[in-house]
């Protein structure tokens, strides 16, 4: 989902600062709500855990350049289910930033675009979870269909934002259209695989219910809302 250097440049890149600022403000609002409901320890520990996981996802898990971007197994829905929206948002933002500083400084000018591409779908996922998962259902009791819906929401959001940045930067030239289509098709594999990863993680959590008192985990992971 990294936007390649040169796709959006010049004055056009200013839009990425605006979108990143908007989603950043929403993330801070979500963090404030998290602090009031679950305390600072939950936010700090969850953010540290998700940051380490995101950096590992980007650097360790397979990723391939396809079309206008790269295909990553980001596991955004897994982070959300385990830790909640605010820690997941901070982890995605910080993990991506650390990767840029330490490993890929050429990606830093695209940071605003990349963080928008990661976080807007995360908050869309949060909305879908609220609307589609019954209040009396703990996350460890989700089935594949429900996990698939969350994953599809997140990955479709990523593909949509990558397409937006590509068309915004390069227009609707034939090569750009085909590259975006190729990238979107490649992400179908991620949409199939990610729910399996979610269910595997949730099954492990269900078998370790003694961890349910840990402030760093999403309370709804084990208990209905």
C-alpha atoms as a PDB file:
ATOM      1  CA  UNK A   1       0.000   0.000   0.000  1.00  0.00           C
ATOM      2  CA  UNK A   2       3.034   2.309  -0.106  1.00  0.00           C
ATOM      3  CA  UNK A   3       2.537   5.072  -2.654  1.00  0.00           C
ATOM      4  CA  UNK A   4       5.590   5.007  -4.872  1.00  0.00           C
ATOM      5  CA  UNK A   5       7.756   8.165  -5.086  1.00  0.00           C
ATOM      6  CA  UNK A   6       6.853  10.380  -8.009  1.00  0.00           C
ATOM      7  CA  UNK A   7       3.219   9.317  -8.375  1.00  0.00           C
ATOM      8  CA  UNK A   8       2.053  12.423  -6.486  1.00  0.00           C
ATOM      9  CA  UNK A   9       4.506  15.320  -6.448  1.00  0.00           C
ATOM     10  CA  UNK A  10       4.762  19.064  -6.653  1.00  0.00           C
ATOM     11  CA  UNK A  11       1.867  21.109  -5.310  1.00  0.00           C
ATOM     12  CA  UNK A  12      -0.431  18.095  -5.442  1.00  0.00           C
ATOM     13  CA  UNK A  13       1.282  16.524  -2.443  1.00  0.00           C
ATOM     14  CA  UNK A  14      -0.201  19.293  -0.258  1.00  0.00           C
ATOM     15  CA  UNK A  15      -3.493  17.398  -0.258  1.00  0.00           C
ATOM     16  CA  UNK A  16      -1.812  14.521   1.564  1.00  0.00           C
ATOM     17  CA  UNK A  17      -0.892  16.857   4.422  1.00  0.00           C
ATOM     18  CA  UNK A  18      -4.531  17.872   4.734  1.00  0.00           C
ATOM     19  CA  UNK A  19      -5.900  14.330   4.678  1.00  0.00           C
ATOM     20  CA  UNK A  20      -3.243  13.137   7.140  1.00  0.00           C
ATOM     21  CA  UNK A  21      -4.039  16.068   9.428  1.00  0.00           C
ATOM     22  CA  UNK A  22      -7.737  15.223   9.332  1.00  0.00           C
ATOM     23  CA  UNK A  23      -7.326  11.549  10.081  1.00  0.00           C
ATOM     24  CA  UNK A  24      -4.690  12.400  12.700  1.00  0.00           C
ATOM     25  CA  UNK A  25      -7.147  14.682  14.481  1.00  0.00           C
ATOM     26  CA  UNK A  26      -9.740  11.894  14.443  1.00  0.00           C
ATOM     27  CA  UNK A  27      -7.143   9.467  15.852  1.00  0.00           C
ATOM     28  CA  UNK A  28      -6.404  11.871  18.706  1.00  0.00           C
ATOM     29  CA  UNK A  29     -10.122  12.172  19.406  1.00  0.00           C
ATOM     30  CA  UNK A  30     -10.360   8.385  19.485  1.00  0.00           C
ATOM     31  CA  UNK A  31      -7.341   8.258  21.805  1.00  0.00           C
ATOM     32  CA  UNK A  32      -8.964  10.744  24.194  1.00  0.00           C
ATOM     33  CA  UNK A  33     -12.077   8.584  24.353  1.00  0.00           C
ATOM     34  CA  UNK A  34      -9.873   5.529  24.930  1.00  0.00           C
ATOM     35  CA  UNK A  35      -8.092   7.306  27.808  1.00  0.00           C
ATOM     36  CA  UNK A  36     -11.376   8.155  29.510  1.00  0.00           C
ATOM     37  CA  UNK A  37     -12.748   4.636  29.145  1.00  0.00           C
ATOM     38  CA  UNK A  38      -9.666   2.455  29.657  1.00  0.00           C
ATOM     39  CA  UNK A  39      -6.881   4.624  31.082  1.00  0.00           C
ATOM     40  CA  UNK A  40      -3.426   5.666  29.970  1.00  0.00           C
ATOM     41  CA  UNK A  41      -1.740   2.292  30.581  1.00  0.00           C
ATOM     42  CA  UNK A  42      -4.019   0.613  28.055  1.00  0.00           C
ATOM     43  CA  UNK A  43      -3.288   3.235  25.401  1.00  0.00           C
ATOM     44  CA  UNK A  44       0.481   3.266  25.966  1.00  0.00           C
ATOM     45  CA  UNK A  45       0.961  -0.497  26.210  1.00  0.00           C
ATOM     46  CA  UNK A  46      -1.388  -1.151  23.309  1.00  0.00           C
ATOM     47  CA  UNK A  47       0.343   1.440  21.139  1.00  0.00           C
ATOM     48  CA  UNK A  48       3.793   0.026  21.914  1.00  0.00           C
ATOM     49  CA  UNK A  49       2.610  -3.502  21.091  1.00  0.00           C
ATOM     50  CA  UNK A  50       0.914  -2.478  17.847  1.00  0.00           C
ATOM     51  CA  UNK A  51       3.880  -0.364  16.757  1.00  0.00           C
ATOM     52  CA  UNK A  52       6.220  -3.337  17.157  1.00  0.00           C
ATOM     53  CA  UNK A  53       3.767  -5.595  15.335  1.00  0.00           C
ATOM     54  CA  UNK A  54       3.260  -3.157  12.441  1.00  0.00           C
ATOM     55  CA  UNK A  55       7.007  -2.705  11.968  1.00  0.00           C
ATOM     56  CA  UNK A  56       7.301  -6.493  11.891  1.00  0.00           C
ATOM     57  CA  UNK A  57       4.436  -6.804   9.417  1.00  0.00           C
ATOM     58  CA  UNK A  58       6.105  -4.384   7.030  1.00  0.00           C
ATOM     59  CA  UNK A  59       9.610  -5.797   7.346  1.00  0.00           C
ATOM     60  CA  UNK A  60       9.158  -9.527   7.989  1.00  0.00           C
ATOM     61  CA  UNK A  61       5.957 -10.647   6.276  1.00  0.00           C
ATOM     62  CA  UNK A  62       6.072 -11.125   2.488  1.00  0.00           C
ATOM     63  CA  UNK A  63       5.425  -7.993   0.428  1.00  0.00           C
ATOM     64  CA  UNK A  64       5.578  -7.586  -3.306  1.00  0.00           C
ATOM     65  CA  UNK A  65       5.476  -4.618  -5.695  1.00  0.00           C
ATOM     66  CA  UNK A  66       2.330  -4.908  -7.799  1.00  0.00           C
ATOM     67  CA  UNK A  67       1.068  -2.204 -10.141  1.00  0.00           C
ATOM     68  CA  UNK A  68       1.126   1.234  -8.515  1.00  0.00           C
ATOM     69  CA  UNK A  69       2.080   0.074  -5.029  1.00  0.00           C
ATOM     70  CA  UNK A  70       3.096  -2.894  -2.856  1.00  0.00           C
ATOM     71  CA  UNK A  71       0.911  -5.676  -1.487  1.00  0.00           C
ATOM     72  CA  UNK A  72       1.352  -6.113   2.281  1.00  0.00           C
ATOM     73  CA  UNK A  73      -0.329  -8.366   4.822  1.00  0.00           C
ATOM     74  CA  UNK A  74      -0.975  -5.528   7.274  1.00  0.00           C
ATOM     75  CA  UNK A  75      -3.523  -7.318   9.511  1.00  0.00           C
ATOM     76  CA  UNK A  76      -5.310  -4.093  10.374  1.00  0.00           C
ATOM     77  CA  UNK A  77      -8.451  -5.908  11.489  1.00  0.00           C
ATOM     78  CA  UNK A  78      -6.359  -8.133  13.780  1.00  0.00           C
ATOM     79  CA  UNK A  79      -4.851  -5.078  15.472  1.00  0.00           C
ATOM     80  CA  UNK A  80      -8.310  -3.554  15.883  1.00  0.00           C
ATOM     81  CA  UNK A  81      -9.827  -6.689  17.414  1.00  0.00           C
ATOM     82  CA  UNK A  82      -6.965  -7.187  19.861  1.00  0.00           C
ATOM     83  CA  UNK A  83      -6.270  -3.635  20.994  1.00  0.00           C
ATOM     84  CA  UNK A  84      -9.028  -1.303  19.807  1.00  0.00           C
ATOM     85  CA  UNK A  85      -9.070   1.530  17.279  1.00  0.00           C
ATOM     86  CA  UNK A  86      -6.836   4.093  19.010  1.00  0.00           C
ATOM     87  CA  UNK A  87      -3.859   1.812  19.801  1.00  0.00           C
ATOM     88  CA  UNK A  88      -4.148   0.274  16.323  1.00  0.00           C
ATOM     89  CA  UNK A  89      -4.110   3.757  14.748  1.00  0.00           C
ATOM     90  CA  UNK A  90      -1.070   4.830  16.761  1.00  0.00           C
ATOM     91  CA  UNK A  91       0.694   1.561  15.964  1.00  0.00           C
ATOM     92  CA  UNK A  92       0.084   1.918  12.241  1.00  0.00           C
ATOM     93  CA  UNK A  93       1.256   5.532  12.241  1.00  0.00           C
ATOM     94  CA  UNK A  94       4.356   4.956  14.377  1.00  0.00           C
ATOM     95  CA  UNK A  95       5.300   1.635  12.786  1.00  0.00           C
ATOM     96  CA  UNK A  96       5.148   3.195   9.338  1.00  0.00           C
ATOM     97  CA  UNK A  97       7.159   6.210  10.522  1.00  0.00           C
ATOM     98  CA  UNK A  98       9.873   4.052  12.117  1.00  0.00           C
ATOM     99  CA  UNK A  99      10.134   1.992   8.955  1.00  0.00           C
ATOM    100  CA  UNK A 100      10.543   5.161   6.920  1.00  0.00           C
ATOM    101  CA  UNK A 101      13.206   6.626   9.194  1.00  0.00           C
ATOM    102  CA  UNK A 102      15.248   3.452   9.657  1.00  0.00           C
ATOM    103  CA  UNK A 103      14.731   1.474   6.458  1.00  0.00           C
ATOM    104  CA  UNK A 104      13.048   3.465   3.692  1.00  0.00           C
ATOM    105  CA  UNK A 105      13.704   7.232   3.955  1.00  0.00           C
ATOM    106  CA  UNK A 106      12.602   7.595   0.324  1.00  0.00           C
ATOM    107  CA  UNK A 107       9.057   6.837   1.554  1.00  0.00           C
ATOM    108  CA  UNK A 108       8.947   9.737   4.028  1.00  0.00           C
ATOM    109  CA  UNK A 109       7.661  12.348   1.512  1.00  0.00           C
ATOM    110  CA  UNK A 110       4.714  10.009   0.897  1.00  0.00           C
ATOM    111  CA  UNK A 111       4.039   9.546   4.634  1.00  0.00           C
ATOM    112  CA  UNK A 112       0.902  11.703   4.597  1.00  0.00           C
ATOM    113  CA  UNK A 113      -0.602   9.666   1.767  1.00  0.00           C
ATOM    114  CA  UNK A 114       0.405   6.346   3.292  1.00  0.00           C
ATOM    115  CA  UNK A 115      -0.934   7.167   6.743  1.00  0.00           C
ATOM    116  CA  UNK A 116      -4.225   8.340   5.234  1.00  0.00           C
ATOM    117  CA  UNK A 117      -4.403   5.085   3.278  1.00  0.00           C
ATOM    118  CA  UNK A 118      -3.938   3.051   6.480  1.00  0.00           C
ATOM    119  CA  UNK A 119      -6.015   4.969   8.998  1.00  0.00           C
ATOM    120  CA  UNK A 120      -9.165   5.987   7.129  1.00  0.00           C
ATOM    121  CA  UNK A 121      -9.970   2.298   6.394  1.00  0.00           C
ATOM    122  CA  UNK A 122      -9.248   1.471  10.054  1.00  0.00           C
ATOM    123  CA  UNK A 123     -11.900   3.892  11.265  1.00  0.00           C
ATOM    124  CA  UNK A 124     -14.274   2.642   8.572  1.00  0.00           C
ATOM    125  CA  UNK A 125     -13.641  -0.847   9.956  1.00  0.00           C
ATOM    126  CA  UNK A 126     -14.510   0.409  13.441  1.00  0.00           C
ATOM    127  CA  UNK A 127     -17.826   1.743  12.129  1.00  0.00           C
ATOM    128  CA  UNK A 128     -18.655  -1.516  10.341  1.00  0.00           C
ATOM    129  CA  UNK A 129     -17.830  -3.523  13.471  1.00  0.00           C
ATOM    130  CA  UNK A 130     -20.257  -1.441  15.507  1.00  0.00           C
ATOM    131  CA  UNK A 131     -23.002  -1.909  12.937  1.00  0.00           C
ATOM    132  CA  UNK A 132     -22.558  -5.601  12.102  1.00  0.00           C
ATOM    133  CA  UNK A 133     -21.384  -7.334  15.298  1.00  0.00           C
ATOM    134  CA  UNK A 134     -24.179  -7.905  17.790  1.00  0.00           C
ATOM    135  CA  UNK A 135     -23.621  -6.188  21.169  1.00  0.00           C
ATOM    136  CA  UNK A 136     -23.684  -9.525  22.983  1.00  0.00           C
ATOM    137  CA  UNK A 137     -20.939 -11.024  20.814  1.00  0.00           C
ATOM    138  CA  UNK A 138     -17.351 -11.046  22.109  1.00  0.00           C
ATOM    139  CA  UNK A 139     -14.690 -10.748  19.445  1.00  0.00           C
ATOM    140  CA  UNK A 140     -13.298 -14.206  20.273  1.00  0.00           C
ATOM    141  CA  UNK A 141     -16.650 -15.637  19.161  1.00  0.00           C
ATOM    142  CA  UNK A 142     -16.624 -14.129  15.668  1.00  0.00           C
ATOM    143  CA  UNK A 143     -17.083 -16.494  12.735  1.00  0.00           C
ATOM    144  CA  UNK A 144     -15.311 -16.442   9.370  1.00  0.00           C
ATOM    145  CA  UNK A 145     -18.077 -14.487   7.657  1.00  0.00           C
ATOM    146  CA  UNK A 146     -17.849 -11.704  10.236  1.00  0.00           C
ATOM    147  CA  UNK A 147     -14.042 -11.658  10.117  1.00  0.00           C
ATOM    148  CA  UNK A 148     -14.214 -11.583   6.321  1.00  0.00           C
ATOM    149  CA  UNK A 149     -16.517  -8.561   6.437  1.00  0.00           C
ATOM    150  CA  UNK A 150     -14.070  -6.655   8.638  1.00  0.00           C
ATOM    151  CA  UNK A 151     -11.076  -7.619   6.518  1.00  0.00           C
ATOM    152  CA  UNK A 152     -12.873  -6.762   3.284  1.00  0.00           C
ATOM    153  CA  UNK A 153     -13.782  -3.340   4.667  1.00  0.00           C
ATOM    154  CA  UNK A 154     -10.188  -2.587   5.617  1.00  0.00           C
ATOM    155  CA  UNK A 155      -8.551  -3.913   2.470  1.00  0.00           C
ATOM    156  CA  UNK A 156     -11.149  -2.343   0.164  1.00  0.00           C
ATOM    157  CA  UNK A 157     -10.421   0.964   1.869  1.00  0.00           C
ATOM    158  CA  UNK A 158      -6.700   0.564   1.221  1.00  0.00           C
ATOM    159  CA  UNK A 159      -7.249  -0.281  -2.446  1.00  0.00           C
ATOM    160  CA  UNK A 160      -9.624   2.675  -2.821  1.00  0.00           C
ATOM    161  CA  UNK A 161      -7.148   5.150  -1.357  1.00  0.00           C
ATOM    162  CA  UNK A 162      -4.242   3.785  -3.394  1.00  0.00           C
ATOM    163  CA  UNK A 163      -6.408   4.160  -6.510  1.00  0.00           C
ATOM    164  CA  UNK A 164      -7.333   7.690  -5.485  1.00  0.00           C
ATOM    165  CA  UNK A 165      -3.712   8.768  -5.046  1.00  0.00           C
ATOM    166  CA  UNK A 166      -2.681   7.134  -8.311  1.00  0.00           C
ATOM    167  CA  UNK A 167      -5.437   8.771 -10.350  1.00  0.00           C
ATOM    168  CA  UNK A 168      -4.984  12.074  -8.516  1.00  0.00           C
ATOM    169  CA  UNK A 169      -1.281  12.105  -9.296  1.00  0.00           C
ATOM    170  CA  UNK A 170      -1.181  10.609 -12.776  1.00  0.00           C
ATOM    171  CA  UNK A 171      -4.674  10.987 -14.203  1.00  0.00           C
ATOM    172  CA  UNK A 172      -6.672   8.263 -15.909  1.00  0.00           C
ATOM    173  CA  UNK A 173      -4.045   7.185 -18.411  1.00  0.00           C
ATOM    174  CA  UNK A 174      -4.368   3.620 -19.655  1.00  0.00           C
ATOM    175  CA  UNK A 175      -1.211   2.456 -17.907  1.00  0.00           C
ATOM    176  CA  UNK A 176      -2.348   3.920 -14.583  1.00  0.00           C
ATOM    177  CA  UNK A 177      -5.761   2.282 -14.867  1.00  0.00           C
ATOM    178  CA  UNK A 178      -4.233  -1.115 -15.615  1.00  0.00           C
ATOM    179  CA  UNK A 179      -1.703  -0.757 -12.784  1.00  0.00           C
ATOM    180  CA  UNK A 180      -4.453   0.116 -10.292  1.00  0.00           C
ATOM    181  CA  UNK A 181      -6.555  -2.828 -11.503  1.00  0.00           C
ATOM    182  CA  UNK A 182      -3.594  -5.163 -11.106  1.00  0.00           C
ATOM    183  CA  UNK A 183      -2.962  -3.901  -7.594  1.00  0.00           C
ATOM    184  CA  UNK A 184      -6.627  -4.319  -6.631  1.00  0.00           C
ATOM    185  CA  UNK A 185      -6.719  -7.866  -8.002  1.00  0.00           C
ATOM    186  CA  UNK A 186      -3.614  -8.783  -6.014  1.00  0.00           C
ATOM    187  CA  UNK A 187      -5.276  -7.604  -2.814  1.00  0.00           C
ATOM    188  CA  UNK A 188      -8.055 -10.171  -3.251  1.00  0.00           C
ATOM    189  CA  UNK A 189      -5.604 -12.748  -1.874  1.00  0.00           C
ATOM    190  CA  UNK A 190      -5.096 -10.607   1.227  1.00  0.00           C
ATOM    191  CA  UNK A 191      -8.864 -10.338   1.759  1.00  0.00           C
ATOM    192  CA  UNK A 192      -9.068 -14.143   1.761  1.00  0.00           C
ATOM    193  CA  UNK A 193      -6.042 -14.763   3.989  1.00  0.00           C
ATOM    194  CA  UNK A 194      -6.474 -12.033   6.605  1.00  0.00           C
ATOM    195  CA  UNK A 195      -9.731 -13.407   8.114  1.00  0.00           C
ATOM    196  CA  UNK A 196      -7.957 -16.734   8.638  1.00  0.00           C
ATOM    197  CA  UNK A 197      -5.210 -14.909  10.526  1.00  0.00           C
ATOM    198  CA  UNK A 198      -7.848 -13.047  12.547  1.00  0.00           C
ATOM    199  CA  UNK A 199      -9.605 -16.272  13.516  1.00  0.00           C
ATOM    200  CA  UNK A 200      -6.307 -17.955  14.427  1.00  0.00           C
ATOM    201  CA  UNK A 201      -5.388 -15.049  16.708  1.00  0.00           C
ATOM    202  CA  UNK A 202      -8.882 -14.972  18.222  1.00  0.00           C
ATOM    203  CA  UNK A 203      -8.792 -18.733  18.831  1.00  0.00           C
ATOM    204  CA  UNK A 204      -5.479 -18.334  20.643  1.00  0.00           C
ATOM    205  CA  UNK A 205      -6.921 -15.510  22.719  1.00  0.00           C
ATOM    206  CA  UNK A 206      -9.984 -17.610  23.553  1.00  0.00           C
ATOM    207  CA  UNK A 207      -7.721 -20.358  24.845  1.00  0.00           C
ATOM    208  CA  UNK A 208      -5.901 -17.827  27.043  1.00  0.00           C
ATOM    209  CA  UNK A 209      -8.819 -16.167  28.764  1.00  0.00           C
ATOM    210  CA  UNK A 210      -6.728 -15.608  31.887  1.00  0.00           C
ATOM    211  CA  UNK A 211      -5.255 -12.633  30.011  1.00  0.00           C
ATOM    212  CA  UNK A 212      -8.634 -10.950  29.953  1.00  0.00           C
ATOM    213  CA  UNK A 213      -7.743  -8.763  32.927  1.00  0.00           C
ATOM    214  CA  UNK A 214      -4.800  -7.226  31.062  1.00  0.00           C
ATOM    215  CA  UNK A 215      -5.495  -3.527  30.559  1.00  0.00           C
ATOM    216  CA  UNK A 216      -3.597  -3.540  27.284  1.00  0.00           C
ATOM    217  CA  UNK A 217      -6.153  -5.666  25.419  1.00  0.00           C
ATOM    218  CA  UNK A 218      -9.493  -4.600  23.948  1.00  0.00           C
ATOM    219  CA  UNK A 219     -12.140  -5.402  26.646  1.00  0.00           C
ATOM    220  CA  UNK A 220     -14.597  -6.619  24.040  1.00  0.00           C
ATOM    221  CA  UNK A 221     -12.106  -9.238  22.933  1.00  0.00           C
ATOM    222  CA  UNK A 222     -13.450 -11.497  25.707  1.00  0.00           C
ATOM    223  CA  UNK A 223     -16.687  -9.882  26.897  1.00  0.00           C
ATOM    224  CA  UNK A 224     -19.782  -8.615  25.061  1.00  0.00           C
ATOM    225  CA  UNK A 225     -20.264  -4.871  24.812  1.00  0.00           C
END
